[in-house]
């Protein structure tokens, strides 16, 4: 499995069968004035190392207040059909900042 301290634990979120593995196919990181965007393409392989599906994962970290973070992933079939998607947004620990 791929381990990177900057990326969330996508592999655990995918709930892959234990005999399947992930391989990094492509990665891109872009820093803009207002955010850092990181995208990865992963390939899911079965026990016989056959390609089963592709995943796109991303993180978007805002560099300006309120410093919100978006993380997500999508699973695609070999024909390119979207099979599953999850998007998470960061949230403050409390609502004390609200009036």
PDB file of N, CA and C in Angstrom:
ATOM      1  N   UNK A   1       0.830  -1.185   0.000  1.00  0.00           N
ATOM      2  CA  UNK A   1       0.000   0.000   0.000  1.00  0.00           C
ATOM      3  C   UNK A   1       0.878   1.254   0.000  1.00  0.00           C
ATOM      4  N   UNK A   2       0.300   2.318  -0.419  1.00  0.00           N
ATOM      5  CA  UNK A   2       1.008   3.579  -0.513  1.00  0.00           C
ATOM      6  C   UNK A   2       0.852   4.317   0.805  1.00  0.00           C
ATOM      7  N   UNK A   3       1.949   4.816   1.324  1.00  0.00           N
ATOM      8  CA  UNK A   3       1.847   5.609   2.549  1.00  0.00           C
ATOM      9  C   UNK A   3       2.484   6.966   2.299  1.00  0.00           C
ATOM     10  N   UNK A   4       1.768   7.996   2.627  1.00  0.00           N
ATOM     11  CA  UNK A   4       2.233   9.354   2.449  1.00  0.00           C
ATOM     12  C   UNK A   4       1.564  10.188   3.529  1.00  0.00           C
ATOM     13  N   UNK A   5       2.375  10.876   4.305  1.00  0.00           N
ATOM     14  CA  UNK A   5       1.831  11.622   5.440  1.00  0.00           C
ATOM     15  C   UNK A   5       0.969  12.804   5.004  1.00  0.00           C
ATOM     16  N   UNK A   6       1.112  13.267   3.762  1.00  0.00           N
ATOM     17  CA  UNK A   6       0.311  14.398   3.302  1.00  0.00           C
ATOM     18  C   UNK A   6      -1.068  13.961   2.837  1.00  0.00           C
ATOM     19  N   UNK A   7      -1.221  12.711   2.484  1.00  0.00           N
ATOM     20  CA  UNK A   7      -2.492  12.204   1.963  1.00  0.00           C
ATOM     21  C   UNK A   7      -3.283  11.507   3.069  1.00  0.00           C
ATOM     22  N   UNK A   8      -4.581  11.634   3.064  1.00  0.00           N
ATOM     23  CA  UNK A   8      -5.424  10.886   4.004  1.00  0.00           C
ATOM     24  C   UNK A   8      -5.319   9.386   3.728  1.00  0.00           C
ATOM     25  N   UNK A   9      -5.814   8.555   4.620  1.00  0.00           N
ATOM     26  CA  UNK A   9      -5.707   7.090   4.441  1.00  0.00           C
ATOM     27  C   UNK A   9      -6.736   6.552   3.449  1.00  0.00           C
ATOM     28  N   UNK A  10      -6.614   6.972   2.187  1.00  0.00           N
ATOM     29  CA  UNK A  10      -7.585   6.572   1.175  1.00  0.00           C
ATOM     30  C   UNK A  10      -7.735   5.058   1.091  1.00  0.00           C
ATOM     31  N   UNK A  11      -6.637   4.342   1.188  1.00  0.00           N
ATOM     32  CA  UNK A  11      -6.682   2.895   1.016  1.00  0.00           C
ATOM     33  C   UNK A  11      -7.642   2.231   2.002  1.00  0.00           C
ATOM     34  N   UNK A  12      -7.708   2.745   3.212  1.00  0.00           N
ATOM     35  CA  UNK A  12      -8.634   2.171   4.194  1.00  0.00           C
ATOM     36  C   UNK A  12     -10.072   2.555   3.875  1.00  0.00           C
ATOM     37  N   UNK A  13     -10.279   3.694   3.264  1.00  0.00           N
ATOM     38  CA  UNK A  13     -11.630   4.132   2.900  1.00  0.00           C
ATOM     39  C   UNK A  13     -12.193   3.318   1.747  1.00  0.00           C
ATOM     40  N   UNK A  14     -11.329   2.801   0.870  1.00  0.00           N
ATOM     41  CA  UNK A  14     -11.786   2.072  -0.316  1.00  0.00           C
ATOM     42  C   UNK A  14     -12.409   0.723   0.028  1.00  0.00           C
ATOM     43  N   UNK A  15     -12.069   0.161   1.170  1.00  0.00           N
ATOM     44  CA  UNK A  15     -12.572  -1.150   1.607  1.00  0.00           C
ATOM     45  C   UNK A  15     -12.335  -2.221   0.540  1.00  0.00           C
ATOM     46  N   UNK A  16     -11.089  -2.318   0.099  1.00  0.00           N
ATOM     47  CA  UNK A  16     -10.713  -3.318  -0.898  1.00  0.00           C
ATOM     48  C   UNK A  16     -10.644  -4.699  -0.271  1.00  0.00           C
ATOM     49  N   UNK A  17     -10.852  -5.742  -1.057  1.00  0.00           N
ATOM     50  CA  UNK A  17     -10.624  -7.093  -0.546  1.00  0.00           C
ATOM     51  C   UNK A  17      -9.152  -7.226  -0.129  1.00  0.00           C
ATOM     52  N   UNK A  18      -8.853  -8.019   0.888  1.00  0.00           N
ATOM     53  CA  UNK A  18      -7.475  -8.104   1.384  1.00  0.00           C
ATOM     54  C   UNK A  18      -6.467  -8.574   0.339  1.00  0.00           C
ATOM     55  N   UNK A  19      -6.920  -9.350  -0.640  1.00  0.00           N
ATOM     56  CA  UNK A  19      -5.986  -9.855  -1.653  1.00  0.00           C
ATOM     57  C   UNK A  19      -5.728  -8.845  -2.776  1.00  0.00           C
ATOM     58  N   UNK A  20      -6.422  -7.704  -2.761  1.00  0.00           N
ATOM     59  CA  UNK A  20      -6.201  -6.673  -3.773  1.00  0.00           C
ATOM     60  C   UNK A  20      -5.142  -5.688  -3.293  1.00  0.00           C
ATOM     61  N   UNK A  21      -4.507  -5.020  -4.247  1.00  0.00           N
ATOM     62  CA  UNK A  21      -3.478  -4.035  -3.912  1.00  0.00           C
ATOM     63  C   UNK A  21      -3.663  -2.797  -4.779  1.00  0.00           C
ATOM     64  N   UNK A  22      -2.989  -1.725  -4.391  1.00  0.00           N
ATOM     65  CA  UNK A  22      -3.039  -0.467  -5.137  1.00  0.00           C
ATOM     66  C   UNK A  22      -1.643  -0.108  -5.618  1.00  0.00           C
ATOM     67  N   UNK A  23      -1.584   0.432  -6.826  1.00  0.00           N
ATOM     68  CA  UNK A  23      -0.329   0.891  -7.407  1.00  0.00           C
ATOM     69  C   UNK A  23      -0.520   2.333  -7.851  1.00  0.00           C
ATOM     70  N   UNK A  24       0.435   3.177  -7.527  1.00  0.00           N
ATOM     71  CA  UNK A  24       0.368   4.574  -7.951  1.00  0.00           C
ATOM     72  C   UNK A  24       0.655   4.653  -9.448  1.00  0.00           C
ATOM     73  N   UNK A  25      -0.272   5.227 -10.216  1.00  0.00           N
ATOM     74  CA  UNK A  25      -0.108   5.353 -11.662  1.00  0.00           C
ATOM     75  C   UNK A  25       0.329   6.765 -12.059  1.00  0.00           C
ATOM     76  N   UNK A  26      -0.162   7.779 -11.342  1.00  0.00           N
ATOM     77  CA  UNK A  26       0.172   9.158 -11.684  1.00  0.00           C
ATOM     78  C   UNK A  26      -0.097  10.043 -10.474  1.00  0.00           C
ATOM     79  N   UNK A  27       0.632  11.134 -10.383  1.00  0.00           N
ATOM     80  CA  UNK A  27       0.475  12.052  -9.267  1.00  0.00           C
ATOM     81  C   UNK A  27       0.795  13.462  -9.747  1.00  0.00           C
ATOM     82  N   UNK A  28       0.029  14.419  -9.245  1.00  0.00           N
ATOM     83  CA  UNK A  28       0.270  15.813  -9.613  1.00  0.00           C
ATOM     84  C   UNK A  28      -0.062  16.706  -8.429  1.00  0.00           C
ATOM     85  N   UNK A  29       0.827  17.658  -8.174  1.00  0.00           N
ATOM     86  CA  UNK A  29       0.619  18.626  -7.095  1.00  0.00           C
ATOM     87  C   UNK A  29       0.777  20.025  -7.671  1.00  0.00           C
ATOM     88  N   UNK A  30      -0.216  20.865  -7.422  1.00  0.00           N
ATOM     89  CA  UNK A  30      -0.216  22.226  -7.953  1.00  0.00           C
ATOM     90  C   UNK A  30      -0.478  23.189  -6.801  1.00  0.00           C
ATOM     91  N   UNK A  31       0.343  24.218  -6.711  1.00  0.00           N
ATOM     92  CA  UNK A  31       0.122  25.254  -5.701  1.00  0.00           C
ATOM     93  C   UNK A  31      -0.331  26.518  -6.412  1.00  0.00           C
ATOM     94  N   UNK A  32      -1.479  26.997  -6.016  1.00  0.00           N
ATOM     95  CA  UNK A  32      -2.022  28.244  -6.557  1.00  0.00           C
ATOM     96  C   UNK A  32      -1.988  29.294  -5.453  1.00  0.00           C
ATOM     97  N   UNK A  33      -2.374  30.491  -5.787  1.00  0.00           N
ATOM     98  CA  UNK A  33      -2.345  31.574  -4.797  1.00  0.00           C
ATOM     99  C   UNK A  33      -3.252  31.285  -3.614  1.00  0.00           C
ATOM    100  N   UNK A  34      -4.354  30.566  -3.858  1.00  0.00           N
ATOM    101  CA  UNK A  34      -5.327  30.365  -2.788  1.00  0.00           C
ATOM    102  C   UNK A  34      -5.409  28.932  -2.264  1.00  0.00           C
ATOM    103  N   UNK A  35      -4.754  27.970  -2.935  1.00  0.00           N
ATOM    104  CA  UNK A  35      -4.904  26.575  -2.502  1.00  0.00           C
ATOM    105  C   UNK A  35      -3.783  25.693  -3.045  1.00  0.00           C
ATOM    106  N   UNK A  36      -3.610  24.565  -2.369  1.00  0.00           N
ATOM    107  CA  UNK A  36      -2.728  23.504  -2.850  1.00  0.00           C
ATOM    108  C   UNK A  36      -3.625  22.348  -3.263  1.00  0.00           C
ATOM    109  N   UNK A  37      -3.460  21.895  -4.502  1.00  0.00           N
ATOM    110  CA  UNK A  37      -4.268  20.800  -5.036  1.00  0.00           C
ATOM    111  C   UNK A  37      -3.354  19.614  -5.329  1.00  0.00           C
ATOM    112  N   UNK A  38      -3.739  18.450  -4.851  1.00  0.00           N
ATOM    113  CA  UNK A  38      -2.965  17.242  -5.135  1.00  0.00           C
ATOM    114  C   UNK A  38      -3.915  16.164  -5.645  1.00  0.00           C
ATOM    115  N   UNK A  39      -3.565  15.582  -6.788  1.00  0.00           N
ATOM    116  CA  UNK A  39      -4.378  14.534  -7.405  1.00  0.00           C
ATOM    117  C   UNK A  39      -3.509  13.315  -7.650  1.00  0.00           C
ATOM    118  N   UNK A  40      -4.068  12.146  -7.376  1.00  0.00           N
ATOM    119  CA  UNK A  40      -3.374  10.883  -7.634  1.00  0.00           C
ATOM    120  C   UNK A  40      -4.305   9.938  -8.365  1.00  0.00           C
ATOM    121  N   UNK A  41      -3.726   9.169  -9.271  1.00  0.00           N
ATOM    122  CA  UNK A  41      -4.439   8.077  -9.926  1.00  0.00           C
ATOM    123  C   UNK A  41      -3.824   6.781  -9.438  1.00  0.00           C
ATOM    124  N   UNK A  42      -4.663   5.891  -8.934  1.00  0.00           N
ATOM    125  CA  UNK A  42      -4.218   4.600  -8.413  1.00  0.00           C
ATOM    126  C   UNK A  42      -4.889   3.489  -9.207  1.00  0.00           C
ATOM    127  N   UNK A  43      -4.177   2.381  -9.373  1.00  0.00           N
ATOM    128  CA  UNK A  43      -4.742   1.226 -10.058  1.00  0.00           C
ATOM    129  C   UNK A  43      -4.956   0.106  -9.050  1.00  0.00           C
ATOM    130  N   UNK A  44      -6.150  -0.451  -9.047  1.00  0.00           N
ATOM    131  CA  UNK A  44      -6.479  -1.578  -8.171  1.00  0.00           C
ATOM    132  C   UNK A  44      -6.177  -2.874  -8.917  1.00  0.00           C
ATOM    133  N   UNK A  45      -5.364  -3.722  -8.298  1.00  0.00           N
ATOM    134  CA  UNK A  45      -4.977  -5.000  -8.888  1.00  0.00           C
ATOM    135  C   UNK A  45      -5.514  -6.139  -8.036  1.00  0.00           C
ATOM    136  N   UNK A  46      -5.949  -7.215  -8.693  1.00  0.00           N
ATOM    137  CA  UNK A  46      -6.425  -8.381  -7.944  1.00  0.00           C
ATOM    138  C   UNK A  46      -5.238  -9.273  -7.575  1.00  0.00           C
ATOM    139  N   UNK A  47      -5.514 -10.443  -7.004  1.00  0.00           N
ATOM    140  CA  UNK A  47      -4.457 -11.347  -6.534  1.00  0.00           C
ATOM    141  C   UNK A  47      -3.560 -11.833  -7.668  1.00  0.00           C
ATOM    142  N   UNK A  48      -4.071 -11.846  -8.894  1.00  0.00           N
ATOM    143  CA  UNK A  48      -3.280 -12.271 -10.056  1.00  0.00           C
ATOM    144  C   UNK A  48      -2.651 -11.070 -10.779  1.00  0.00           C
ATOM    145  N   UNK A  49      -2.624  -9.915 -10.125  1.00  0.00           N
ATOM    146  CA  UNK A  49      -2.075  -8.670 -10.677  1.00  0.00           C
ATOM    147  C   UNK A  49      -2.793  -8.202 -11.940  1.00  0.00           C
ATOM    148  N   UNK A  50      -4.068  -8.511 -12.041  1.00  0.00           N
ATOM    149  CA  UNK A  50      -4.889  -8.008 -13.150  1.00  0.00           C
ATOM    150  C   UNK A  50      -5.541  -6.703 -12.714  1.00  0.00           C
ATOM    151  N   UNK A  51      -5.598  -5.758 -13.634  1.00  0.00           N
ATOM    152  CA  UNK A  51      -6.223  -4.470 -13.357  1.00  0.00           C
ATOM    153  C   UNK A  51      -7.725  -4.655 -13.182  1.00  0.00           C
ATOM    154  N   UNK A  52      -8.248  -4.177 -12.045  1.00  0.00           N
ATOM    155  CA  UNK A  52      -9.663  -4.331 -11.711  1.00  0.00           C
ATOM    156  C   UNK A  52     -10.405  -3.001 -11.844  1.00  0.00           C
ATOM    157  N   UNK A  53      -9.780  -1.921 -11.368  1.00  0.00           N
ATOM    158  CA  UNK A  53     -10.420  -0.599 -11.382  1.00  0.00           C
ATOM    159  C   UNK A  53      -9.348   0.469 -11.223  1.00  0.00           C
ATOM    160  N   UNK A  54      -9.768   1.711 -11.420  1.00  0.00           N
ATOM    161  CA  UNK A  54      -8.876   2.857 -11.221  1.00  0.00           C
ATOM    162  C   UNK A  54      -9.527   3.805 -10.215  1.00  0.00           C
ATOM    163  N   UNK A  55      -8.683   4.423  -9.403  1.00  0.00           N
ATOM    164  CA  UNK A  55      -9.142   5.403  -8.421  1.00  0.00           C
ATOM    165  C   UNK A  55      -8.499   6.751  -8.716  1.00  0.00           C
ATOM    166  N   UNK A  56      -9.274   7.805  -8.534  1.00  0.00           N
ATOM    167  CA  UNK A  56      -8.730   9.167  -8.534  1.00  0.00           C
ATOM    168  C   UNK A  56      -8.938   9.703  -7.129  1.00  0.00           C
ATOM    169  N   UNK A  57      -7.868  10.163  -6.506  1.00  0.00           N
ATOM    170  CA  UNK A  57      -7.962  10.766  -5.179  1.00  0.00           C
ATOM    171  C   UNK A  57      -7.482  12.207  -5.281  1.00  0.00           C
ATOM    172  N   UNK A  58      -8.006  13.050  -4.402  1.00  0.00           N
ATOM    173  CA  UNK A  58      -7.555  14.433  -4.419  1.00  0.00           C
ATOM    174  C   UNK A  58      -7.671  15.048  -3.041  1.00  0.00           C
ATOM    175  N   UNK A  59      -6.840  16.052  -2.828  1.00  0.00           N
ATOM    176  CA  UNK A  59      -6.946  16.920  -1.661  1.00  0.00           C
ATOM    177  C   UNK A  59      -6.847  18.358  -2.160  1.00  0.00           C
ATOM    178  N   UNK A  60      -7.589  19.221  -1.527  1.00  0.00           N
ATOM    179  CA  UNK A  60      -7.527  20.651  -1.824  1.00  0.00           C
ATOM    180  C   UNK A  60      -7.473  21.375  -0.492  1.00  0.00           C
ATOM    181  N   UNK A  61      -6.335  22.005  -0.226  1.00  0.00           N
ATOM    182  CA  UNK A  61      -6.135  22.716   1.027  1.00  0.00           C
ATOM    183  C   UNK A  61      -6.116  24.210   0.751  1.00  0.00           C
ATOM    184  N   UNK A  62      -7.074  24.933   1.306  1.00  0.00           N
ATOM    185  CA  UNK A  62      -7.126  26.381   1.140  1.00  0.00           C
ATOM    186  C   UNK A  62      -5.983  27.027   1.913  1.00  0.00           C
ATOM    187  N   UNK A  63      -5.348  28.005   1.307  1.00  0.00           N
ATOM    188  CA  UNK A  63      -4.253  28.727   1.956  1.00  0.00           C
ATOM    189  C   UNK A  63      -4.720  30.046   2.562  1.00  0.00           C
ATOM    190  N   UNK A  64      -6.025  30.302   2.448  1.00  0.00           N
ATOM    191  CA  UNK A  64      -6.602  31.533   2.998  1.00  0.00           C
ATOM    192  C   UNK A  64      -7.756  31.168   3.927  1.00  0.00           C
ATOM    193  N   UNK A  65      -8.040  32.034   4.901  1.00  0.00           N
ATOM    194  CA  UNK A  65      -9.137  31.734   5.825  1.00  0.00           C
ATOM    195  C   UNK A  65     -10.416  31.427   5.076  1.00  0.00           C
ATOM    196  N   UNK A  66     -11.163  30.484   5.534  1.00  0.00           N
ATOM    197  CA  UNK A  66     -11.079  29.717   6.780  1.00  0.00           C
ATOM    198  C   UNK A  66     -10.219  28.452   6.691  1.00  0.00           C
ATOM    199  N   UNK A  67      -9.308  28.360   5.734  1.00  0.00           N
ATOM    200  CA  UNK A  67      -8.362  27.246   5.607  1.00  0.00           C
ATOM    201  C   UNK A  67      -9.076  25.904   5.485  1.00  0.00           C
ATOM    202  N   UNK A  68     -10.119  25.881   4.737  1.00  0.00           N
ATOM    203  CA  UNK A  68     -10.919  24.667   4.564  1.00  0.00           C
ATOM    204  C   UNK A  68     -10.173  23.635   3.719  1.00  0.00           C
ATOM    205  N   UNK A  69     -10.398  22.367   4.031  1.00  0.00           N
ATOM    206  CA  UNK A  69      -9.794  21.287   3.262  1.00  0.00           C
ATOM    207  C   UNK A  69     -10.889  20.403   2.673  1.00  0.00           C
ATOM    208  N   UNK A  70     -10.693  20.011   1.429  1.00  0.00           N
ATOM    209  CA  UNK A  70     -11.592  19.064   0.770  1.00  0.00           C
ATOM    210  C   UNK A  70     -10.753  17.844   0.388  1.00  0.00           C
ATOM    211  N   UNK A  71     -11.262  16.661   0.709  1.00  0.00           N
ATOM    212  CA  UNK A  71     -10.591  15.435   0.295  1.00  0.00           C
ATOM    213  C   UNK A  71     -11.631  14.519  -0.330  1.00  0.00           C
ATOM    214  N   UNK A  72     -11.221  13.786  -1.333  1.00  0.00           N
ATOM    215  CA  UNK A  72     -12.187  12.926  -1.992  1.00  0.00           C
ATOM    216  C   UNK A  72     -11.542  11.841  -2.829  1.00  0.00           C
ATOM    217  N   UNK A  73     -12.387  10.930  -3.271  1.00  0.00           N
ATOM    218  CA  UNK A  73     -11.930   9.862  -4.159  1.00  0.00           C
ATOM    219  C   UNK A  73     -13.084   9.391  -5.024  1.00  0.00           C
ATOM    220  N   UNK A  74     -12.709   8.837  -6.169  1.00  0.00           N
ATOM    221  CA  UNK A  74     -13.668   8.260  -7.103  1.00  0.00           C
ATOM    222  C   UNK A  74     -13.107   6.938  -7.603  1.00  0.00           C
ATOM    223  N   UNK A  75     -13.976   5.959  -7.780  1.00  0.00           N
ATOM    224  CA  UNK A  75     -13.571   4.657  -8.319  1.00  0.00           C
ATOM    225  C   UNK A  75     -14.222   4.500  -9.691  1.00  0.00           C
ATOM    226  N   UNK A  76     -13.401   4.136 -10.683  1.00  0.00           N
ATOM    227  CA  UNK A  76     -13.865   3.981 -12.056  1.00  0.00           C
ATOM    228  C   UNK A  76     -13.674   2.544 -12.522  1.00  0.00           C
ATOM    229  N   UNK A  77     -14.610   2.075 -13.355  1.00  0.00           N
ATOM    230  CA  UNK A  77     -14.457   0.768 -13.990  1.00  0.00           C
ATOM    231  C   UNK A  77     -13.387   0.878 -15.072  1.00  0.00           C
ATOM    232  N   UNK A  78     -13.021  -0.249 -15.657  1.00  0.00           N
ATOM    233  CA  UNK A  78     -12.027  -0.238 -16.724  1.00  0.00           C
ATOM    234  C   UNK A  78     -12.531   0.475 -17.973  1.00  0.00           C
ATOM    235  N   UNK A  79     -13.849   0.609 -18.105  1.00  0.00           N
ATOM    236  CA  UNK A  79     -14.423   1.330 -19.246  1.00  0.00           C
ATOM    237  C   UNK A  79     -14.591   2.820 -18.964  1.00  0.00           C
ATOM    238  N   UNK A  80     -14.237   3.257 -17.752  1.00  0.00           N
ATOM    239  CA  UNK A  80     -14.318   4.667 -17.398  1.00  0.00           C
ATOM    240  C   UNK A  80     -15.597   5.089 -16.707  1.00  0.00           C
ATOM    241  N   UNK A  81     -16.466   4.136 -16.398  1.00  0.00           N
ATOM    242  CA  UNK A  81     -17.723   4.452 -15.717  1.00  0.00           C
ATOM    243  C   UNK A  81     -17.461   4.708 -14.232  1.00  0.00           C
ATOM    244  N   UNK A  82     -18.041   5.789 -13.709  1.00  0.00           N
ATOM    245  CA  UNK A  82     -17.913   6.112 -12.291  1.00  0.00           C
ATOM    246  C   UNK A  82     -18.703   5.100 -11.472  1.00  0.00           C
ATOM    247  N   UNK A  83     -18.024   4.423 -10.538  1.00  0.00           N
ATOM    248  CA  UNK A  83     -18.661   3.397  -9.715  1.00  0.00           C
ATOM    249  C   UNK A  83     -18.983   3.887  -8.309  1.00  0.00           C
ATOM    250  N   UNK A  84     -18.136   4.750  -7.759  1.00  0.00           N
ATOM    251  CA  UNK A  84     -18.315   5.201  -6.379  1.00  0.00           C
ATOM    252  C   UNK A  84     -17.582   6.521  -6.194  1.00  0.00           C
ATOM    253  N   UNK A  85     -18.064   7.327  -5.243  1.00  0.00           N
ATOM    254  CA  UNK A  85     -17.439   8.620  -4.971  1.00  0.00           C
ATOM    255  C   UNK A  85     -17.679   8.993  -3.515  1.00  0.00           C
ATOM    256  N   UNK A  86     -16.671   9.611  -2.923  1.00  0.00           N
ATOM    257  CA  UNK A  86     -16.814  10.138  -1.565  1.00  0.00           C
ATOM    258  C   UNK A  86     -16.040  11.442  -1.481  1.00  0.00           C
ATOM    259  N   UNK A  87     -16.668  12.450  -0.872  1.00  0.00           N
ATOM    260  CA  UNK A  87     -16.026  13.745  -0.675  1.00  0.00           C
ATOM    261  C   UNK A  87     -16.222  14.142   0.779  1.00  0.00           C
ATOM    262  N   UNK A  88     -15.143  14.584   1.407  1.00  0.00           N
ATOM    263  CA  UNK A  88     -15.203  15.031   2.801  1.00  0.00           C
ATOM    264  C   UNK A  88     -14.668  16.454   2.883  1.00  0.00           C
ATOM    265  N   UNK A  89     -15.266  17.235   3.772  1.00  0.00           N
ATOM    266  CA  UNK A  89     -14.850  18.615   3.991  1.00  0.00           C
ATOM    267  C   UNK A  89     -14.426  18.772   5.448  1.00  0.00           C
ATOM    268  N   UNK A  90     -13.385  19.564   5.652  1.00  0.00           N
ATOM    269  CA  UNK A  90     -12.947  19.816   7.023  1.00  0.00           C
ATOM    270  C   UNK A  90     -13.987  20.671   7.730  1.00  0.00           C
ATOM    271  N   UNK A  91     -13.962  20.587   9.044  1.00  0.00           N
ATOM    272  CA  UNK A  91     -14.927  21.314   9.854  1.00  0.00           C
ATOM    273  C   UNK A  91     -14.260  21.700  11.165  1.00  0.00           C
ATOM    274  N   UNK A  92     -14.601  22.854  11.673  1.00  0.00           N
ATOM    275  CA  UNK A  92     -14.047  23.269  12.966  1.00  0.00           C
ATOM    276  C   UNK A  92     -14.555  22.354  14.068  1.00  0.00           C
ATOM    277  N   UNK A  93     -13.774  22.268  15.145  1.00  0.00           N
ATOM    278  CA  UNK A  93     -14.141  21.408  16.270  1.00  0.00           C
ATOM    279  C   UNK A  93     -15.386  21.900  16.994  1.00  0.00           C
ATOM    280  N   UNK A  94     -15.608  23.210  16.963  1.00  0.00           N
ATOM    281  CA  UNK A  94     -16.786  23.753  17.645  1.00  0.00           C
ATOM    282  C   UNK A  94     -17.374  24.887  16.809  1.00  0.00           C
ATOM    283  N   UNK A  95     -18.548  25.319  17.202  1.00  0.00           N
ATOM    284  CA  UNK A  95     -19.203  26.442  16.532  1.00  0.00           C
ATOM    285  C   UNK A  95     -19.065  27.729  17.338  1.00  0.00           C
ATOM    286  N   UNK A  96     -18.088  27.803  18.229  1.00  0.00           N
ATOM    287  CA  UNK A  96     -17.902  28.965  19.097  1.00  0.00           C
ATOM    288  C   UNK A  96     -17.610  30.244  18.324  1.00  0.00           C
ATOM    289  N   UNK A  97     -17.092  30.116  17.109  1.00  0.00           N
ATOM    290  CA  UNK A  97     -16.749  31.296  16.324  1.00  0.00           C
ATOM    291  C   UNK A  97     -17.989  31.958  15.710  1.00  0.00           C
ATOM    292  N   UNK A  98     -19.133  31.274  15.735  1.00  0.00           N
ATOM    293  CA  UNK A  98     -20.364  31.832  15.177  1.00  0.00           C
ATOM    294  C   UNK A  98     -20.992  32.819  16.150  1.00  0.00           C
ATOM    295  N   UNK A  99     -21.681  33.817  15.608  1.00  0.00           N
ATOM    296  CA  UNK A  99     -22.352  34.811  16.463  1.00  0.00           C
ATOM    297  C   UNK A  99     -23.680  34.300  16.930  1.00  0.00           C
TER     298      UNK A  99
END
